[in-house]
């Protein structure tokens, strides 16, 4: 085999690889929703087109010897059918090869929902604030149906799957409604892909009898499609303000009689008792507070089952998240300026096995126990938080520091929900 042919073959395969690795970037928005989708059929047709042009001039044995051959890209989580590529694009980019060197593909180009005109149905339960119904033209993922109101589509890269059981492709993506009235709600939108690649909305997927919209993680890792049923993890009814819901469930939705309906999973959300003495903290959803060095903080939902839960915590500085396993110790109660506070030590374990601890003061604010971070290991010289005991209106916290075991006293602040160290 000639050296020129080797170079020609490698260059062509490299060019094909580069085309398939290109992808459009969704508009900034909800965290964790990144990726795009392509049809495996297009990938194969492109591979065959490049290989076919080379085979005109060289023996077929040369292509058979290539380590790439026409191997298909792997499937990704989130799709029910083998049509998702590892580095997909919504539409095939034009090849830089000359027209005479590769025959044109007959596969249709699927429209990009982020740059398309769609006739949308009314936004479930929020149409007055979203104004989604009607013909809407999206440019770079955004349209403004009314002053102060914005619709954002495609923050979840489309997931290709069979949703209606008839020939033809469908895809799922997110559509988010945001307005000046503190509304920021996300739905899953199903789109029918026509033979010419045009997109037609089938409807909004999340449609439960107890709530039209949910708090959920709209990511490819959290959404699966199997035999036409779209399943995703949800945490409670969507609310425009207040602390997030924290009753994790997996619900399934399917296209039935022209609309999407819930077909599996729990049909109601539950909230724990307002009396924390009646709450089993080992088996309920907790809101764990995390303080940052700059004084800011975040709250994470930690659904507990038999004393163990999980949460994806921010790494800071836009470095993504890390999934931690979280266990809860015993709880104790103390009087606070705004009522009774409940204390518990949470232990966090990273995937690498490293552990840290946080002492949380749980209070009644919203539907789920809301934790405020009193102390965290790794700060203030604390190597380990051993225990927290209530003594009247103070909490005695035993810690191991670089100087040995110490007992620190905390009391509630007179002005806010924080706890102050007094000794």
Protein backbone atom coordinates (compact mmCIF):
# COMPACT_ATOMS: atom_id res chain seq x y z
CA UNK A 1 0.00 0.00 0.00
CA UNK A 2 1.52 3.37 -0.98
CA UNK A 3 2.48 6.04 1.51
CA UNK A 4 0.34 8.56 -0.40
CA UNK A 5 -2.73 6.41 0.06
CA UNK A 6 -2.05 6.08 3.81
CA UNK A 7 -1.87 9.85 4.10
CA UNK A 8 -5.00 10.32 2.00
CA UNK A 9 -6.97 7.80 4.04
CA UNK A 10 -5.84 9.20 7.39
CA UNK A 11 -6.59 12.78 6.31
CA UNK A 12 -10.09 11.83 5.17
CA UNK A 13 -10.86 9.93 8.36
CA UNK A 14 -9.51 12.78 10.47
CA UNK A 15 -11.72 15.19 8.55
CA UNK A 16 -14.77 12.99 9.14
CA UNK A 17 -13.90 12.72 12.84
CA UNK A 18 -13.61 16.50 13.13
CA UNK A 19 -16.99 17.03 11.50
CA UNK A 20 -18.67 14.58 13.85
CA UNK A 21 -17.04 16.14 16.91
CA UNK A 22 -18.40 19.61 16.13
CA UNK A 23 -21.55 20.60 18.00
CA UNK A 24 -23.65 23.64 18.65
CA UNK A 25 -23.54 25.08 22.15
CA UNK A 26 -26.86 25.63 23.94
CA UNK A 27 -27.58 29.03 25.40
CA UNK A 28 -26.46 29.47 29.03
CA UNK A 29 -29.13 28.43 31.46
CA UNK A 30 -29.97 25.64 33.80
CA UNK A 31 -26.90 23.89 35.10
CA UNK A 32 -26.02 20.50 33.99
CA UNK A 33 -27.84 20.62 30.74
CA UNK A 34 -25.23 20.29 28.09
CA UNK A 35 -24.85 17.91 25.09
CA UNK A 36 -26.29 17.60 21.62
CA UNK A 37 -27.76 14.84 19.49
CA UNK A 38 -27.20 13.42 16.03
CA UNK A 39 -28.71 10.54 14.10
CA UNK A 40 -26.45 7.52 13.82
CA UNK A 41 -27.75 6.96 10.33
CA UNK A 42 -26.23 10.27 9.21
CA UNK A 43 -22.95 9.38 10.84
CA UNK A 44 -22.78 6.10 8.97
CA UNK A 45 -23.76 7.68 5.66
CA UNK A 46 -21.02 10.28 6.04
CA UNK A 47 -18.46 7.60 6.89
CA UNK A 48 -19.45 5.55 3.87
CA UNK A 49 -19.36 8.63 1.61
CA UNK A 50 -15.76 9.45 2.56
CA UNK A 51 -14.67 5.81 2.36
CA UNK A 52 -16.48 5.34 -0.95
CA UNK A 53 -14.60 8.19 -2.59
CA UNK A 54 -11.29 6.66 -1.57
CA UNK A 55 -12.24 3.20 -2.77
CA UNK A 56 -12.64 4.49 -6.34
CA UNK A 57 -8.86 4.83 -6.62
CA UNK A 58 -7.47 2.22 -4.22
CA UNK A 59 -8.01 -1.47 -3.43
CA UNK A 60 -10.81 -2.28 -1.03
CA UNK A 61 -8.40 -4.16 1.19
CA UNK A 62 -6.81 -0.85 2.22
CA UNK A 63 -10.03 0.41 3.82
CA UNK A 64 -10.63 -2.94 5.51
CA UNK A 65 -7.24 -2.55 7.20
CA UNK A 66 -8.19 0.81 8.78
CA UNK A 67 -8.63 0.57 12.57
CA UNK A 68 -11.69 2.87 12.31
CA UNK A 69 -13.53 1.04 9.50
CA UNK A 70 -17.18 2.04 9.67
CA UNK A 71 -17.56 1.41 13.40
CA UNK A 72 -20.59 3.17 14.85
CA UNK A 73 -20.28 5.67 17.71
CA UNK A 74 -21.45 4.45 21.13
CA UNK A 75 -24.86 5.11 22.64
CA UNK A 76 -25.37 7.64 25.41
CA UNK A 77 -27.58 7.54 28.47
CA UNK A 78 -30.94 9.14 27.88
CA UNK A 79 -31.97 7.50 24.62
CA UNK A 80 -34.17 4.48 24.11
CA UNK A 81 -32.94 3.74 20.63
CA UNK A 82 -29.39 3.37 19.28
CA UNK A 83 -29.26 6.73 17.55
CA UNK A 84 -27.17 8.94 19.83
CA UNK A 85 -23.54 9.70 19.08
CA UNK A 86 -20.85 10.55 21.61
CA UNK A 87 -20.17 14.00 20.15
CA UNK A 88 -23.31 14.75 18.16
CA UNK A 89 -24.56 17.72 16.17
CA UNK A 90 -28.12 18.77 15.36
CA UNK A 91 -27.32 19.01 11.66
CA UNK A 92 -24.53 17.69 9.52
CA UNK A 93 -21.90 20.32 8.72
CA UNK A 94 -20.91 20.65 5.04
CA UNK A 95 -17.89 18.60 4.10
CA UNK A 96 -14.80 20.48 2.98
CA UNK A 97 -14.12 17.78 0.37
CA UNK A 98 -14.72 18.74 -3.26
CA UNK A 99 -18.09 17.73 -4.82
CA UNK A 100 -16.35 15.29 -7.13
CA UNK A 101 -14.58 13.45 -4.31
CA UNK A 102 -17.65 12.43 -2.25
CA UNK A 103 -21.27 11.82 -3.27
CA UNK A 104 -23.90 13.92 -1.48
CA UNK A 105 -25.90 12.23 1.31
CA UNK A 106 -29.64 11.82 0.82
CA UNK A 107 -30.35 11.93 4.58
CA UNK A 108 -32.48 14.97 5.56
CA UNK A 109 -31.01 17.67 7.75
CA UNK A 110 -32.92 17.86 11.02
CA UNK A 111 -33.87 21.40 11.94
CA UNK A 112 -32.19 22.99 14.94
CA UNK A 113 -34.93 23.71 17.52
CA UNK A 114 -32.87 26.65 18.73
CA UNK A 115 -33.29 28.31 15.36
CA UNK A 116 -36.75 27.26 14.21
CA UNK A 117 -40.32 28.47 13.96
CA UNK A 118 -42.62 26.29 16.08
CA UNK A 119 -46.33 26.34 16.80
CA UNK A 120 -46.43 25.78 20.55
CA UNK A 121 -49.32 24.74 22.78
CA UNK A 122 -50.12 26.68 25.95
CA UNK A 123 -47.54 26.29 28.73
CA UNK A 124 -49.04 23.91 31.34
CA UNK A 125 -50.36 25.79 34.35
CA UNK A 126 -48.30 28.90 33.54
CA UNK A 127 -49.66 30.23 30.25
CA UNK A 128 -50.67 33.61 31.68
CA UNK A 129 -47.08 34.27 32.68
CA UNK A 130 -45.38 32.52 29.75
CA UNK A 131 -47.44 33.40 26.64
CA UNK A 132 -46.10 30.31 24.88
CA UNK A 133 -49.18 29.44 22.81
CA UNK A 134 -48.93 30.29 19.14
CA UNK A 135 -46.30 30.46 16.42
CA UNK A 136 -42.94 31.36 17.93
CA UNK A 137 -39.67 31.94 16.11
CA UNK A 138 -36.55 31.08 18.09
CA UNK A 139 -33.20 32.67 17.34
CA UNK A 140 -30.19 31.18 19.12
CA UNK A 141 -32.59 29.40 21.44
CA UNK A 142 -34.62 32.42 22.56
CA UNK A 143 -37.88 34.16 21.71
CA UNK A 144 -39.72 36.98 23.50
CA UNK A 145 -43.49 36.47 23.25
CA UNK A 146 -44.24 39.49 25.46
CA UNK A 147 -42.39 42.27 27.21
CA UNK A 148 -40.58 40.89 30.25
CA UNK A 149 -41.21 37.28 29.16
CA UNK A 150 -38.71 34.98 27.51
CA UNK A 151 -38.87 31.40 26.22
CA UNK A 152 -35.60 29.47 25.98
CA UNK A 153 -35.44 26.19 24.04
CA UNK A 154 -32.73 23.58 23.61
CA UNK A 155 -30.77 23.90 26.86
CA UNK A 156 -31.05 20.11 26.95
CA UNK A 157 -29.49 18.82 23.74
CA UNK A 158 -32.22 16.89 21.89
CA UNK A 159 -32.66 13.23 22.84
CA UNK A 160 -33.79 11.13 19.86
CA UNK A 161 -36.23 8.33 20.63
CA UNK A 162 -39.44 6.65 19.47
CA UNK A 163 -42.18 8.32 21.48
CA UNK A 164 -45.38 7.48 19.59
CA UNK A 165 -44.79 3.93 18.31
CA UNK A 166 -45.22 4.83 14.63
CA UNK A 167 -42.54 5.12 11.93
CA UNK A 168 -40.57 8.33 12.08
CA UNK A 169 -38.33 10.02 14.59
CA UNK A 170 -39.13 12.14 17.62
CA UNK A 171 -36.90 14.10 19.94
CA UNK A 172 -37.01 15.61 23.42
CA UNK A 173 -35.58 18.91 24.55
CA UNK A 174 -36.27 21.49 27.24
CA UNK A 175 -38.22 24.71 26.99
CA UNK A 176 -37.91 27.21 29.82
CA UNK A 177 -40.22 30.11 30.61
CA UNK A 178 -38.74 33.08 32.42
CA UNK A 179 -40.40 36.38 33.24
CA UNK A 180 -39.99 39.46 35.40
CA UNK A 181 -42.45 38.05 37.92
CA UNK A 182 -39.90 35.51 39.29
CA UNK A 183 -41.18 32.69 37.07
CA UNK A 184 -38.41 30.37 35.87
CA UNK A 185 -40.05 27.06 35.01
CA UNK A 186 -38.79 24.28 32.73
CA UNK A 187 -40.77 21.69 30.76
CA UNK A 188 -39.82 18.81 28.47
CA UNK A 189 -41.04 19.40 24.92
CA UNK A 190 -41.53 16.52 22.47
CA UNK A 191 -40.97 17.25 18.77
CA UNK A 192 -41.95 15.18 15.74
CA UNK A 193 -39.26 15.06 13.04
CA UNK A 194 -40.72 15.05 9.51
CA UNK A 195 -39.14 13.30 6.53
CA UNK A 196 -37.67 16.64 5.42
CA UNK A 197 -36.22 17.31 8.90
CA UNK A 198 -38.86 19.86 9.93
CA UNK A 199 -39.95 19.91 13.59
CA UNK A 200 -43.53 19.89 14.87
CA UNK A 201 -44.33 20.05 18.63
CA UNK A 202 -46.19 17.01 19.95
CA UNK A 203 -46.76 18.53 23.39
CA UNK A 204 -45.26 18.96 26.83
CA UNK A 205 -44.18 15.69 28.41
CA UNK A 206 -44.59 16.37 32.14
CA UNK A 207 -48.30 16.07 32.79
CA UNK A 208 -49.24 14.69 36.21
CA UNK A 209 -52.64 14.89 37.86
CA UNK A 210 -51.17 16.47 41.00
CA UNK A 211 -49.01 19.11 39.28
CA UNK A 212 -48.43 20.36 35.72
CA UNK A 213 -44.80 21.31 36.39
CA UNK A 214 -42.12 19.84 38.61
CA UNK A 215 -38.77 20.64 40.11
CA UNK A 216 -36.35 18.29 38.37
CA UNK A 217 -32.83 17.87 37.05
CA UNK A 218 -33.25 18.22 33.29
CA UNK A 219 -30.05 16.48 32.21
CA UNK A 220 -29.29 13.55 29.94
CA UNK A 221 -28.11 11.56 32.96
CA UNK A 222 -31.46 12.05 34.71
CA UNK A 223 -33.73 11.27 31.72
CA UNK A 224 -34.23 7.89 30.07
CA UNK A 225 -36.59 6.65 27.37
CA UNK A 226 -37.61 3.00 27.23
CA UNK A 227 -40.36 1.57 25.03
CA UNK A 228 -41.84 5.04 24.55
CA UNK A 229 -41.88 5.88 28.28
CA UNK A 230 -39.94 8.97 29.33
CA UNK A 231 -38.66 8.64 32.89
CA UNK A 232 -37.01 11.33 34.97
CA UNK A 233 -36.23 12.12 38.60
CA UNK A 234 -38.51 14.78 40.06
CA UNK A 235 -38.47 16.41 43.50
CA UNK A 236 -41.82 18.12 43.91
CA UNK A 237 -44.18 20.67 42.39
CA UNK A 238 -42.54 23.67 40.77
CA UNK A 239 -42.86 26.85 42.83
CA UNK A 240 -41.95 30.39 41.84
CA UNK A 241 -40.29 31.26 45.15
CA UNK A 242 -39.26 29.74 48.46
CA UNK A 243 -36.96 26.84 49.15
CA UNK A 244 -36.85 23.88 46.73
CA UNK A 245 -38.87 20.71 47.10
CA UNK A 246 -37.04 17.57 48.22
CA UNK A 247 -39.18 14.45 47.76
CA UNK A 248 -37.27 12.52 45.11
CA UNK A 249 -39.38 10.30 42.85
CA UNK A 250 -39.01 8.73 39.43
CA UNK A 251 -42.05 9.32 37.25
CA UNK A 252 -42.77 8.00 33.78
CA UNK A 253 -44.71 9.71 30.97
CA UNK A 254 -45.93 8.35 27.63
CA UNK A 255 -47.78 9.62 24.55
CA UNK A 256 -51.33 8.24 24.76
CA UNK A 257 -54.34 9.28 22.66
CA UNK A 258 -52.61 12.38 21.36
CA UNK A 259 -51.26 13.72 24.67
CA UNK A 260 -48.58 12.85 27.20
CA UNK A 261 -49.79 11.28 30.44
CA UNK A 262 -48.11 9.95 33.57
CA UNK A 263 -48.00 6.16 33.33
CA UNK A 264 -45.64 5.12 36.15
CA UNK A 265 -44.25 6.23 39.49
CA UNK A 266 -45.85 7.90 42.52
CA UNK A 267 -48.76 10.23 41.85
CA UNK A 268 -48.45 12.51 44.89
CA UNK A 269 -45.65 14.31 46.71
CA UNK A 270 -45.37 14.26 50.47
CA UNK A 271 -43.86 16.71 52.94
CA UNK A 272 -42.70 15.88 56.49
CA UNK A 273 -44.44 17.04 59.65
CA UNK A 274 -43.82 20.58 60.87
CA UNK A 275 -43.14 19.08 64.29
CA UNK A 276 -39.53 17.92 63.96
CA UNK A 277 -39.95 15.61 66.96
CA UNK A 278 -42.23 13.55 64.70
CA UNK A 279 -39.86 13.58 61.71
CA UNK A 280 -37.63 10.62 60.92
CA UNK A 281 -34.58 12.52 59.71
CA UNK A 282 -33.10 9.27 58.41
CA UNK A 283 -35.96 8.89 55.94
CA UNK A 284 -37.00 12.30 54.66
CA UNK A 285 -35.78 14.99 52.32
CA UNK A 286 -33.38 17.48 53.91
CA UNK A 287 -32.15 20.84 52.64
CA UNK A 288 -28.45 21.01 53.50
CA UNK A 289 -26.89 24.47 53.64
CA UNK A 290 -23.30 25.05 52.49
CA UNK A 291 -21.52 28.29 53.38
CA UNK A 292 -18.87 29.80 51.12
CA UNK A 293 -15.81 31.75 52.29
CA UNK A 294 -17.25 34.96 50.80
CA UNK A 295 -20.34 34.71 52.99
CA UNK A 296 -22.64 33.40 50.28
CA UNK A 297 -24.09 29.92 50.30
CA UNK A 298 -26.24 27.32 48.61
CA UNK A 299 -28.90 24.85 49.65
CA UNK A 300 -28.88 21.26 48.38
CA UNK A 301 -31.70 18.73 48.44
CA UNK A 302 -30.57 15.50 50.14
CA UNK A 303 -33.27 12.79 50.04
CA UNK A 304 -32.47 10.43 52.93
CA UNK A 305 -33.23 6.70 52.89
CA UNK A 306 -32.17 4.74 55.98
CA UNK A 307 -29.81 7.55 56.94
CA UNK A 308 -28.04 7.79 53.57
CA UNK A 309 -28.52 10.26 50.72
CA UNK A 310 -26.72 11.79 47.75
CA UNK A 311 -26.21 15.28 46.37
CA UNK A 312 -24.20 16.90 43.57
CA UNK A 313 -22.22 19.70 45.21
CA UNK A 314 -20.65 22.59 43.33
CA UNK A 315 -16.87 22.47 43.13
CA UNK A 316 -16.67 26.26 42.82
CA UNK A 317 -15.12 28.47 40.15
CA UNK A 318 -17.28 26.88 37.42
CA UNK A 319 -15.54 23.53 37.87
CA UNK A 320 -18.70 21.46 37.73
CA UNK A 321 -20.09 19.28 40.50
CA UNK A 322 -19.10 16.21 42.49
CA UNK A 323 -21.56 13.58 43.69
CA UNK A 324 -21.25 12.99 47.43
CA UNK A 325 -22.74 10.24 49.57
CA UNK A 326 -24.14 11.84 52.72
CA UNK A 327 -24.98 10.12 56.02
CA UNK A 328 -26.74 11.65 59.01
CA UNK A 329 -25.95 11.06 62.68
CA UNK A 330 -28.18 11.52 65.71
CA UNK A 331 -30.29 14.65 66.14
CA UNK A 332 -30.69 16.94 69.13
CA UNK A 333 -32.96 19.91 69.87
CA UNK A 334 -32.25 23.40 71.23
CA UNK A 335 -34.23 26.60 71.79
CA UNK A 336 -33.52 29.37 69.28
CA UNK A 337 -34.64 32.98 68.90
CA UNK A 338 -37.28 31.98 66.34
CA UNK A 339 -38.29 28.63 67.80
CA UNK A 340 -36.70 25.26 68.29
CA UNK A 341 -33.65 24.21 66.28
CA UNK A 342 -32.65 20.67 65.44
CA UNK A 343 -28.97 19.75 65.19
CA UNK A 344 -27.36 16.92 63.26
CA UNK A 345 -23.89 16.09 61.96
CA UNK A 346 -23.77 15.11 58.29
CA UNK A 347 -20.78 13.17 56.93
CA UNK A 348 -19.93 13.62 53.26
CA UNK A 349 -17.94 11.06 51.30
CA UNK A 350 -16.51 11.87 47.86
CA UNK A 351 -16.07 9.29 45.06
CA UNK A 352 -12.37 9.06 45.99
CA UNK A 353 -13.26 8.14 49.59
CA UNK A 354 -12.36 11.44 51.23
CA UNK A 355 -14.71 12.46 54.04
CA UNK A 356 -15.75 15.76 55.58
CA UNK A 357 -18.41 16.82 58.05
CA UNK A 358 -20.88 19.63 58.52
CA UNK A 359 -22.87 20.51 61.62
CA UNK A 360 -26.33 21.62 60.51
CA UNK A 361 -28.98 23.53 62.40
CA UNK A 362 -32.34 22.53 60.89
CA UNK A 363 -35.26 24.92 61.15
CA UNK A 364 -38.83 25.10 59.90
CA UNK A 365 -38.90 27.20 56.76
CA UNK A 366 -40.91 25.78 53.89
CA UNK A 367 -41.99 22.18 53.44
CA UNK A 368 -38.70 20.46 54.27
CA UNK A 369 -36.17 20.79 57.14
CA UNK A 370 -33.87 23.66 56.19
CA UNK A 371 -30.27 23.30 57.35
CA UNK A 372 -27.90 26.16 58.19
CA UNK A 373 -24.23 25.32 58.42
CA UNK A 374 -22.84 25.99 61.89
CA UNK A 375 -19.42 24.43 61.42
CA UNK A 376 -17.55 22.43 58.80
CA UNK A 377 -14.49 20.24 59.15
CA UNK A 378 -11.49 21.53 57.28
CA UNK A 379 -12.17 25.10 58.46
CA UNK A 380 -10.97 26.91 61.59
CA UNK A 381 -8.45 24.14 62.21
CA UNK A 382 -11.18 21.50 62.69
CA UNK A 383 -10.16 18.02 61.61
CA UNK A 384 -13.29 16.25 62.82
CA UNK A 385 -16.63 17.08 64.45
CA UNK A 386 -17.14 14.47 67.15
CA UNK A 387 -20.55 15.37 68.59
CA UNK A 388 -23.00 18.17 69.35
CA UNK A 389 -24.89 18.28 72.65
CA UNK A 390 -27.55 20.75 73.75
CA UNK A 391 -27.22 22.52 77.09
CA UNK A 392 -30.10 24.95 77.58
CA UNK A 393 -29.86 27.55 74.83
CA UNK A 394 -26.30 26.69 73.89
CA UNK A 395 -24.83 23.82 71.91
CA UNK A 396 -21.59 22.18 73.04
CA UNK A 397 -19.66 20.94 70.02
CA UNK A 398 -16.76 18.56 70.56
CA UNK A 399 -14.15 18.88 67.82
CA UNK A 400 -10.74 17.45 67.07
CA UNK A 401 -8.29 20.13 65.98
CA UNK A 402 -4.59 20.25 65.25
CA UNK A 403 -4.18 21.07 68.95
CA UNK A 404 -6.25 18.13 70.19
CA UNK A 405 -9.84 17.66 71.36
CA UNK A 406 -11.74 20.82 72.29
CA UNK A 407 -15.31 21.75 73.23
CA UNK A 408 -16.74 24.85 71.59
CA UNK A 409 -19.99 26.53 72.66
CA UNK A 410 -22.49 28.07 70.25
CA UNK A 411 -25.63 30.11 70.85
CA UNK A 412 -28.24 31.45 68.43
CA UNK A 413 -27.81 34.91 66.99
CA UNK A 414 -30.23 37.54 68.20
CA UNK A 415 -30.60 39.01 64.70
CA UNK A 416 -30.60 36.11 62.23
CA UNK A 417 -30.65 32.33 61.87
CA UNK A 418 -26.91 31.89 62.35
CA UNK A 419 -25.21 30.42 65.41
CA UNK A 420 -22.33 32.25 67.07
CA UNK A 421 -19.38 30.68 68.81
CA UNK A 422 -19.11 32.04 72.36
CA UNK A 423 -16.26 29.92 73.75
